[in-house]
Structures are given as structure tokens and as C-alpha cells.
Amino acid sequence: MNYRVIGSVIKEEFPAITLSLILGTIGGAILNSNFETILALPPLLALEPPLSDMAGDFGLMIGARLMTALKLGYIRPRVLFRSKVLRKNLIATLSVGCLASAYLGIVILLASYLGGLLVINPSVLVEVSFFSGFLLVLVVTFSGILFSVLSFKYGIDLSPLITSVGDLSGPACLMIGARLLQLI
């Protein structure tokens, strides 16, 4: 590998990785600030990592699909939100995100029940998972769209930021969902 290629990779990746590190640290601080609350409710503690991971996956999926459509010329950045391709991808991503969030809540409910750690009303746990997951997928999906357009426009790989937004937003959305549904 020649030095120009290495320099190019470093130039493209360094800003995104640095910002990812900062966003991940802030997400950890949010989680740490609610540590006692989450520790008192083990199902919430079990819900956070897969919820954040799932959201990052959805953000990366829509980001990759959008980046491909931009590169192939199916979508132009200026008319992005009038695009049928984007609209169909948004509907599919949000629909599957809602179903996956509810499913995740049911899996955590069953695992908590089998482990003897169910200290939450079962329906509230599934509702918190659904609402938090929906909110998180919404945030990460629009982040994926934004970072894809910026990546395309400026030629910098911002995909690590999409998962970092999930890491940052995961604890926040879980706490928002738990508070709005009066779990905590």
C-alpha cells in the first residue's frame, strides 16, 4: 500500500472516528447518569444494548441504500426528499424498526421472566421498548440520510457517525420512553 492511499484513508476517516468517539462517550455519560435507575430495573439495563445496536443497523442500512442510489444517480441530493426511492426506504425502515422494537421488548420480557428479574409491568416494558425503539430508529434514520448526503457531497466517509448517533441516542431515547410511559 502506498503512502498516498494511507494518507487518504486517514484524512477521510479521522474526523468521523474522532466524532464517533466523542458521541460514544456522551452516550456512556447519559447511561452513567441514570445508572441507579437502570440498575433498579434490570429489564431496562438488558434492553439498552440491543436497542442501540438495532438502531445503528437501521441507520447504516438506509445510509448504504441512499449512498448507493446517490452514486448510481437514482437520486439527486437537491431533490432528495421528493424521491420515491427515499420515501419507500423510509417507510420500510420505520415499519421494520417498529416491529423489531416490539419484538425486542417481548424477548427482553421473556428473558426477564425466565431469569426471575421481571420487576416491571410486562405491557409497560413492551411499550417502552416500542416507543424508545421507534424514536431511536427515527433519529438514526434521519442521521443516516444526513450523513449519506454529506458523505456524497464532500467525499468523506461519515458512516461511523451513524452508529455513534445510535450509541448516543440509545440511552437518551430509552430514558425518554421510560419517563413518558411513567416507568421511572
Protein backbone atom coordinates (compact mmCIF):
# COMPACT_ATOMS: atom_id res chain seq x y z
CA MET A 1 0.00 0.00 0.00
CA ASN A 2 1.49 3.34 -0.92
CA TYR A 3 1.69 6.35 1.38
CA ARG A 4 -0.82 8.40 -0.62
CA VAL A 5 -3.50 5.78 -0.11
CA ILE A 6 -2.77 5.59 3.62
CA GLY A 7 -2.86 9.38 3.89
CA SER A 8 -6.16 9.49 2.02
CA VAL A 9 -7.72 6.90 4.30
CA ILE A 10 -6.53 8.76 7.40
CA LYS A 11 -7.81 12.07 6.01
CA GLU A 12 -11.22 10.58 5.25
CA GLU A 13 -11.69 8.53 8.41
CA PHE A 14 -10.05 10.60 11.16
CA PRO A 15 -12.81 13.24 11.56
CA ALA A 16 -15.59 10.64 11.60
CA ILE A 17 -13.82 8.36 14.04
CA THR A 18 -12.94 11.28 16.34
CA LEU A 19 -16.56 12.47 16.37
CA SER A 20 -17.72 8.88 16.91
CA LEU A 21 -15.50 8.64 19.95
CA ILE A 22 -16.96 11.85 21.37
CA LEU A 23 -20.57 10.81 20.69
CA GLY A 24 -20.00 7.37 22.23
CA THR A 25 -18.51 8.98 25.33
CA ILE A 26 -21.51 11.30 25.70
CA GLY A 27 -23.84 8.30 25.30
CA GLY A 28 -21.93 6.50 28.05
CA ALA A 29 -22.24 9.57 30.27
CA ILE A 30 -26.01 9.63 29.72
CA LEU A 31 -26.16 5.97 30.65
CA ASN A 32 -23.96 6.55 33.69
CA SER A 33 -26.09 9.49 34.89
CA ASN A 34 -29.11 7.17 35.00
CA PHE A 35 -27.16 4.17 36.30
CA GLU A 36 -29.00 3.73 39.62
CA THR A 37 -32.40 3.97 37.94
CA ILE A 38 -31.45 1.48 35.25
CA LEU A 39 -29.78 -0.85 37.76
CA ALA A 40 -33.01 -0.96 39.78
CA LEU A 41 -34.86 -2.10 36.65
CA PRO A 42 -32.80 -4.95 35.12
CA PRO A 43 -35.02 -5.31 32.02
CA LEU A 44 -34.15 -1.72 31.07
CA LEU A 45 -30.48 -2.49 31.52
CA ALA A 46 -30.89 -5.53 29.25
CA LEU A 47 -32.88 -3.51 26.70
CA GLU A 48 -30.36 -0.72 26.08
CA PRO A 49 -27.50 -2.51 24.22
CA PRO A 50 -29.63 -4.36 21.65
CA LEU A 51 -31.83 -1.30 21.15
CA SER A 52 -28.82 0.90 20.35
CA ASP A 53 -27.30 -1.78 18.15
CA MET A 54 -30.55 -2.28 16.26
CA ALA A 55 -30.89 1.45 15.65
CA GLY A 56 -27.32 1.67 14.35
CA ASP A 57 -28.06 -1.20 11.99
CA PHE A 58 -31.14 0.54 10.61
CA GLY A 59 -29.25 3.80 10.18
CA LEU A 60 -26.45 2.04 8.33
CA MET A 61 -28.93 0.20 6.11
CA ILE A 62 -30.73 3.32 4.98
CA GLY A 63 -27.42 5.17 4.70
CA ALA A 64 -25.92 2.49 2.48
CA ARG A 65 -29.02 2.25 0.31
CA LEU A 66 -29.19 6.01 -0.05
CA MET A 67 -25.47 6.32 -0.80
CA THR A 68 -25.81 3.65 -3.49
CA ALA A 69 -28.81 5.45 -5.02
CA LEU A 70 -26.87 8.75 -4.98
CA LYS A 71 -23.79 7.20 -6.59
CA LEU A 72 -25.86 5.46 -9.29
CA GLY A 73 -27.79 8.66 -10.00
CA TYR A 74 -31.22 7.39 -8.96
CA ILE A 75 -31.49 10.29 -6.53
CA ARG A 76 -30.01 13.76 -6.68
CA PRO A 77 -29.12 15.45 -3.37
CA ARG A 78 -31.16 18.57 -4.13
CA VAL A 79 -34.43 16.73 -4.72
CA LEU A 80 -33.78 14.06 -2.12
CA PHE A 81 -36.97 14.40 -0.11
CA ARG A 82 -39.19 14.34 -3.19
CA SER A 83 -37.74 10.98 -4.18
CA LYS A 84 -40.00 7.92 -4.28
CA VAL A 85 -36.94 5.73 -3.68
CA LEU A 86 -36.18 7.50 -0.40
CA ARG A 87 -39.84 7.56 0.65
CA LYS A 88 -40.18 3.81 0.14
CA ASN A 89 -36.95 3.16 2.04
CA LEU A 90 -38.10 5.40 4.91
CA ILE A 91 -41.44 3.65 5.20
CA ALA A 92 -39.80 0.23 5.12
CA THR A 93 -37.12 1.19 7.65
CA LEU A 94 -39.54 2.76 10.12
CA SER A 95 -42.03 -0.12 9.78
CA VAL A 96 -39.42 -2.80 10.35
CA GLY A 97 -37.90 -0.70 13.14
CA CYS A 98 -41.24 -0.57 14.96
CA LEU A 99 -41.79 -4.31 14.58
CA ALA A 100 -38.23 -5.08 15.68
CA SER A 101 -38.56 -2.80 18.72
CA ALA A 102 -41.76 -4.52 19.84
CA TYR A 103 -40.18 -7.92 19.22
CA LEU A 104 -37.12 -6.90 21.23
CA GLY A 105 -39.39 -5.84 24.10
CA ILE A 106 -41.08 -9.26 24.06
CA VAL A 107 -37.72 -11.08 24.00
CA ILE A 108 -36.44 -9.00 26.95
CA LEU A 109 -39.74 -9.62 28.74
CA LEU A 110 -39.39 -13.38 28.32
CA ALA A 111 -35.72 -13.35 29.31
CA SER A 112 -36.51 -11.24 32.39
CA TYR A 113 -39.36 -13.54 33.35
CA LEU A 114 -37.27 -16.68 32.93
CA GLY A 115 -34.39 -15.10 34.86
CA GLY A 116 -36.66 -14.02 37.71
CA LEU A 117 -35.87 -10.36 37.07
CA LEU A 118 -39.26 -9.15 35.90
CA VAL A 119 -39.89 -6.15 38.16
CA ILE A 120 -41.81 -4.18 35.54
CA ASN A 121 -45.37 -4.45 34.31
CA PRO A 122 -44.98 -6.63 31.17
CA SER A 123 -47.09 -4.43 28.91
CA VAL A 124 -45.21 -1.31 30.01
CA LEU A 125 -41.88 -2.97 29.20
CA VAL A 126 -43.04 -3.77 25.66
CA GLU A 127 -44.48 -0.26 25.30
CA VAL A 128 -41.21 1.33 26.46
CA SER A 129 -39.27 -0.86 24.04
CA PHE A 130 -41.61 0.01 21.16
CA PHE A 131 -41.69 3.75 21.84
CA SER A 132 -37.97 4.06 22.57
CA GLY A 133 -37.10 1.94 19.55
CA PHE A 134 -39.36 3.96 17.26
CA LEU A 135 -37.87 7.23 18.50
CA LEU A 136 -34.34 5.88 18.20
CA VAL A 137 -34.85 4.45 14.69
CA LEU A 138 -36.34 7.80 13.65
CA VAL A 139 -33.31 9.71 14.95
CA VAL A 140 -30.78 7.31 13.48
CA THR A 141 -32.59 7.02 10.14
CA PHE A 142 -32.56 10.76 9.60
CA SER A 143 -28.94 10.87 10.76
CA GLY A 144 -28.17 8.18 8.18
CA ILE A 145 -29.80 10.28 5.48
CA LEU A 146 -27.93 13.43 6.55
CA PHE A 147 -24.54 11.72 6.81
CA SER A 148 -25.03 9.93 3.47
CA VAL A 149 -25.73 13.18 1.67
CA LEU A 150 -22.78 14.88 3.38
CA SER A 151 -20.54 11.91 2.56
CA PHE A 152 -21.61 12.02 -1.07
CA LYS A 153 -21.24 15.78 -1.30
CA TYR A 154 -17.83 16.09 0.39
CA GLY A 155 -16.29 12.69 -0.37
CA ILE A 156 -15.70 11.84 3.30
CA ASP A 157 -16.84 8.57 4.88
CA LEU A 158 -19.18 9.53 7.72
CA SER A 159 -20.73 6.08 8.22
CA PRO A 160 -19.09 5.56 11.65
CA LEU A 161 -21.10 8.54 12.86
CA ILE A 162 -24.39 6.78 12.14
CA THR A 163 -23.74 4.05 14.69
CA SER A 164 -22.35 6.63 17.10
CA VAL A 165 -25.60 8.55 16.90
CA GLY A 166 -27.29 5.27 17.89
CA ASP A 167 -24.87 4.89 20.81
CA LEU A 168 -25.57 8.46 21.91
CA SER A 169 -29.32 8.39 21.33
CA GLY A 170 -29.93 4.87 22.66
CA PRO A 171 -29.72 5.67 26.38
CA ALA A 172 -31.43 9.02 25.87
CA CYS A 173 -34.38 7.53 23.94
CA LEU A 174 -34.71 4.71 26.47
CA MET A 175 -34.86 7.21 29.34
CA ILE A 176 -37.33 9.40 27.43
CA GLY A 177 -39.54 6.39 26.71
CA ALA A 178 -39.36 5.16 30.31
CA ARG A 179 -40.19 8.62 31.67
CA LEU A 180 -43.03 9.33 29.22
CA LEU A 181 -44.60 5.96 29.99
CA GLN A 182 -44.09 6.63 33.72
CA LEU A 183 -41.85 3.63 34.30
CA ILE A 184 -39.29 5.76 36.11
